N, C-alpha and C. Protein backbone atom coordinates (compact mmCIF):
# COMPACT_ATOMS: atom_id res chain seq x y z
N MET A 1 -13.03 11.98 17.83
CA MET A 1 -12.51 12.85 16.88
C MET A 1 -12.88 13.21 15.22
N SER A 2 -12.75 14.80 15.34
CA SER A 2 -13.16 15.25 14.10
C SER A 2 -11.89 14.74 13.05
N ALA A 3 -11.83 14.87 11.43
CA ALA A 3 -11.23 14.42 10.65
C ALA A 3 -9.94 15.75 11.12
N GLU A 4 -9.68 16.96 10.65
CA GLU A 4 -9.41 18.48 11.16
C GLU A 4 -8.86 18.26 12.16
N ARG A 5 -9.13 16.99 13.38
CA ARG A 5 -8.16 17.23 14.70
C ARG A 5 -7.27 16.28 15.14
N PHE A 6 -7.12 14.91 13.28
CA PHE A 6 -6.97 14.58 13.55
C PHE A 6 -5.58 14.19 12.68
N TRP A 7 -6.06 15.53 11.58
CA TRP A 7 -4.77 16.04 10.50
C TRP A 7 -4.01 17.25 11.01
N THR A 8 -3.76 17.15 11.51
CA THR A 8 -2.27 18.38 12.25
C THR A 8 -1.82 18.61 11.23
N ASP A 9 -1.41 19.99 11.09
CA ASP A 9 -0.62 20.05 9.98
C ASP A 9 0.81 19.64 9.77
N THR A 10 1.23 19.20 10.62
CA THR A 10 2.84 18.00 10.82
C THR A 10 2.33 16.67 10.30
N ARG A 11 0.60 16.16 10.40
CA ARG A 11 0.88 15.02 10.03
C ARG A 11 0.27 15.05 8.98
N ILE A 12 0.12 16.05 7.72
CA ILE A 12 -0.60 15.80 6.45
C ILE A 12 0.66 16.64 5.71
N ILE A 13 1.86 17.48 6.80
CA ILE A 13 2.87 17.34 5.66
C ILE A 13 3.95 15.63 5.64
N GLU A 14 3.69 15.31 6.79
CA GLU A 14 4.33 13.59 6.82
C GLU A 14 3.68 13.01 5.94
N ALA A 15 2.26 13.49 6.00
CA ALA A 15 1.54 12.29 4.71
C ALA A 15 2.03 13.08 3.57
N VAL A 16 2.51 13.67 3.12
CA VAL A 16 3.03 14.55 1.85
C VAL A 16 4.69 13.63 1.76
N LEU A 17 5.07 13.52 2.45
CA LEU A 17 6.35 13.22 2.30
C LEU A 17 6.18 11.92 1.99
N GLU A 18 5.73 10.81 2.74
CA GLU A 18 5.33 10.00 2.69
C GLU A 18 4.79 9.40 1.11
N PHE A 19 3.78 10.05 0.49
CA PHE A 19 3.34 9.66 -0.70
C PHE A 19 4.17 10.72 -1.64
N HIS A 20 5.32 11.33 -1.54
CA HIS A 20 6.54 11.33 -1.94
C HIS A 20 7.00 10.51 -2.82
N ARG A 21 7.87 9.97 -0.74
CA ARG A 21 8.56 8.66 -1.10
C ARG A 21 8.11 7.58 -1.51
N ARG A 22 6.87 7.14 -1.68
CA ARG A 22 5.94 6.22 -2.52
C ARG A 22 5.98 6.26 -3.74
N GLU A 23 5.03 7.28 -4.26
CA GLU A 23 5.10 7.42 -5.63
C GLU A 23 6.00 8.38 -6.42
N GLY A 24 7.04 8.53 -6.28
CA GLY A 24 8.37 9.68 -6.30
C GLY A 24 8.18 10.65 -7.26
N LYS A 25 6.31 11.78 -6.40
CA LYS A 25 5.69 12.66 -7.06
C LYS A 25 5.59 13.12 -6.17
N TRP A 26 5.09 14.67 -6.16
CA TRP A 26 4.34 15.44 -5.45
C TRP A 26 2.65 14.92 -5.35
N PRO A 27 2.22 15.62 -4.30
CA PRO A 27 0.95 14.67 -4.88
C PRO A 27 -0.37 16.25 -5.48
N LYS A 28 -1.02 15.91 -6.19
CA LYS A 28 -2.07 16.94 -6.70
C LYS A 28 -3.02 16.93 -5.97
N GLU A 29 -4.17 18.00 -6.25
CA GLU A 29 -5.74 18.11 -5.13
C GLU A 29 -6.21 16.86 -5.28
N LYS A 30 -6.01 15.89 -6.88
CA LYS A 30 -6.97 14.76 -6.77
C LYS A 30 -6.66 13.75 -5.49
N ASP A 31 -4.91 13.82 -5.59
CA ASP A 31 -4.54 12.95 -4.74
C ASP A 31 -4.68 13.19 -3.44
N PHE A 32 -5.59 14.31 -2.85
CA PHE A 32 -5.97 14.35 -1.64
C PHE A 32 -6.86 13.76 -1.07
N VAL A 33 -7.18 12.19 -1.13
CA VAL A 33 -8.31 11.40 -0.45
C VAL A 33 -7.90 10.37 0.75
N ARG A 34 -8.67 10.32 1.64
CA ARG A 34 -8.08 9.18 2.45
C ARG A 34 -8.00 7.59 2.12
N THR A 35 -8.06 7.58 1.18
CA THR A 35 -8.22 6.01 0.28
C THR A 35 -6.45 6.25 -0.23
N GLU A 36 -6.14 7.16 -0.39
CA GLU A 36 -4.42 6.77 -0.34
C GLU A 36 -3.52 7.25 0.92
N GLY A 37 -4.11 7.50 1.71
CA GLY A 37 -3.15 7.95 3.11
C GLY A 37 -3.27 9.38 3.15
N LEU A 38 -3.72 9.99 2.53
CA LEU A 38 -3.44 11.12 2.97
C LEU A 38 -4.81 12.33 3.04
N PRO A 39 -5.28 13.27 3.89
CA PRO A 39 -6.50 13.97 4.07
C PRO A 39 -7.53 14.56 2.54
N SER A 40 -8.56 14.74 2.70
CA SER A 40 -9.17 15.16 1.46
C SER A 40 -9.05 16.83 1.71
N ALA A 41 -8.75 17.05 0.08
CA ALA A 41 -8.60 18.39 0.23
C ALA A 41 -8.85 19.64 0.87
N THR A 42 -10.32 19.38 1.03
CA THR A 42 -11.09 20.32 2.17
C THR A 42 -10.50 20.39 3.71
N VAL A 43 -10.26 18.85 4.48
CA VAL A 43 -9.42 18.59 5.19
C VAL A 43 -8.15 19.32 5.44
N VAL A 44 -7.30 20.13 4.30
CA VAL A 44 -6.46 20.42 4.18
C VAL A 44 -6.32 21.78 3.68
N ARG A 45 -7.46 22.48 2.99
CA ARG A 45 -7.76 23.97 3.11
C ARG A 45 -8.18 24.54 4.47
N LEU A 46 -9.06 22.97 5.40
CA LEU A 46 -9.50 24.17 6.05
C LEU A 46 -8.44 24.00 7.34
N ASN A 47 -7.10 23.49 7.24
CA ASN A 47 -6.13 23.50 8.09
C ASN A 47 -5.02 23.86 7.80
N MET A 48 -4.83 24.59 6.23
CA MET A 48 -3.62 24.80 5.76
C MET A 48 -3.50 26.30 4.85
N GLY A 49 -5.39 26.55 4.90
CA GLY A 49 -5.34 27.58 3.84
C GLY A 49 -5.81 27.02 2.57
N THR A 50 -4.81 25.99 1.63
CA THR A 50 -4.60 25.94 0.50
C THR A 50 -4.35 24.42 0.43
N TRP A 51 -4.89 23.66 -0.82
CA TRP A 51 -3.97 22.79 -0.58
C TRP A 51 -2.62 22.78 -0.66
N GLN A 52 -2.31 23.43 -1.45
CA GLN A 52 -0.81 23.57 -2.35
C GLN A 52 0.07 23.68 -0.76
N GLU A 53 -0.15 24.18 0.05
CA GLU A 53 0.66 24.89 1.47
C GLU A 53 1.52 23.02 1.51
N PRO A 54 0.81 22.18 2.71
CA PRO A 54 1.87 21.19 2.72
C PRO A 54 2.69 20.74 1.64
N VAL A 55 2.26 20.47 0.31
CA VAL A 55 3.19 19.87 -1.13
C VAL A 55 4.62 21.13 -0.74
N ARG A 56 4.14 22.72 -0.60
CA ARG A 56 5.18 23.54 -0.76
C ARG A 56 5.47 23.16 1.09
N ARG A 57 5.47 23.20 1.94
CA ARG A 57 6.18 22.53 2.46
C ARG A 57 7.22 21.50 3.47
N ALA A 58 6.46 20.28 2.24
CA ALA A 58 7.11 18.96 2.37
C ALA A 58 8.82 19.34 1.73
N GLN A 59 8.37 20.44 0.47
CA GLN A 59 9.74 20.39 -0.18
C GLN A 59 10.62 21.46 0.03
N ALA A 60 10.24 21.93 1.49
CA ALA A 60 11.45 23.02 1.34
C ALA A 60 12.09 22.32 2.99
N HIS A 61 11.34 21.34 3.48
CA HIS A 61 11.48 20.56 3.83
C HIS A 61 12.78 19.47 3.24
N ILE A 62 12.88 19.14 2.71
CA ILE A 62 13.48 18.09 1.90
C ILE A 62 14.37 19.08 1.56
N ALA A 63 14.47 20.36 1.41
CA ALA A 63 15.26 21.10 0.60
C ALA A 63 16.58 21.80 1.68
N GLN A 64 16.17 21.71 2.39
CA GLN A 64 16.48 22.03 3.58
C GLN A 64 17.52 20.66 4.31
N GLY A 65 16.78 19.38 4.67
CA GLY A 65 17.47 18.73 4.64
C GLY A 65 18.59 18.16 3.62
N GLU A 66 18.76 18.79 2.50
CA GLU A 66 20.16 18.49 1.00
C GLU A 66 20.91 18.91 1.22
N ALA A 67 20.46 20.78 1.95
CA ALA A 67 21.16 21.67 2.41
C ALA A 67 21.98 21.86 3.77
N ALA A 68 21.66 20.83 4.75
CA ALA A 68 22.11 20.30 5.65
C ALA A 68 23.55 19.39 5.36
N CYS A 69 23.18 18.30 4.45
CA CYS A 69 23.95 17.23 3.97
C CYS A 69 25.55 17.80 3.08
């Protein structure tokens, strides 16, 4: 299975959320390496267009959850 197939949009966003919970900050491009539990920035760009897109979606996910509370 290729990295692009393993790292679906949903899995990438989940990994970003987990990174945020674990590190207390949003990942930057240099953080998108497999050793950190994130896909490479290249895989993110191939799947989502930019490496920032999953961070934007994860932030929106959290904002929606807070709005629902």
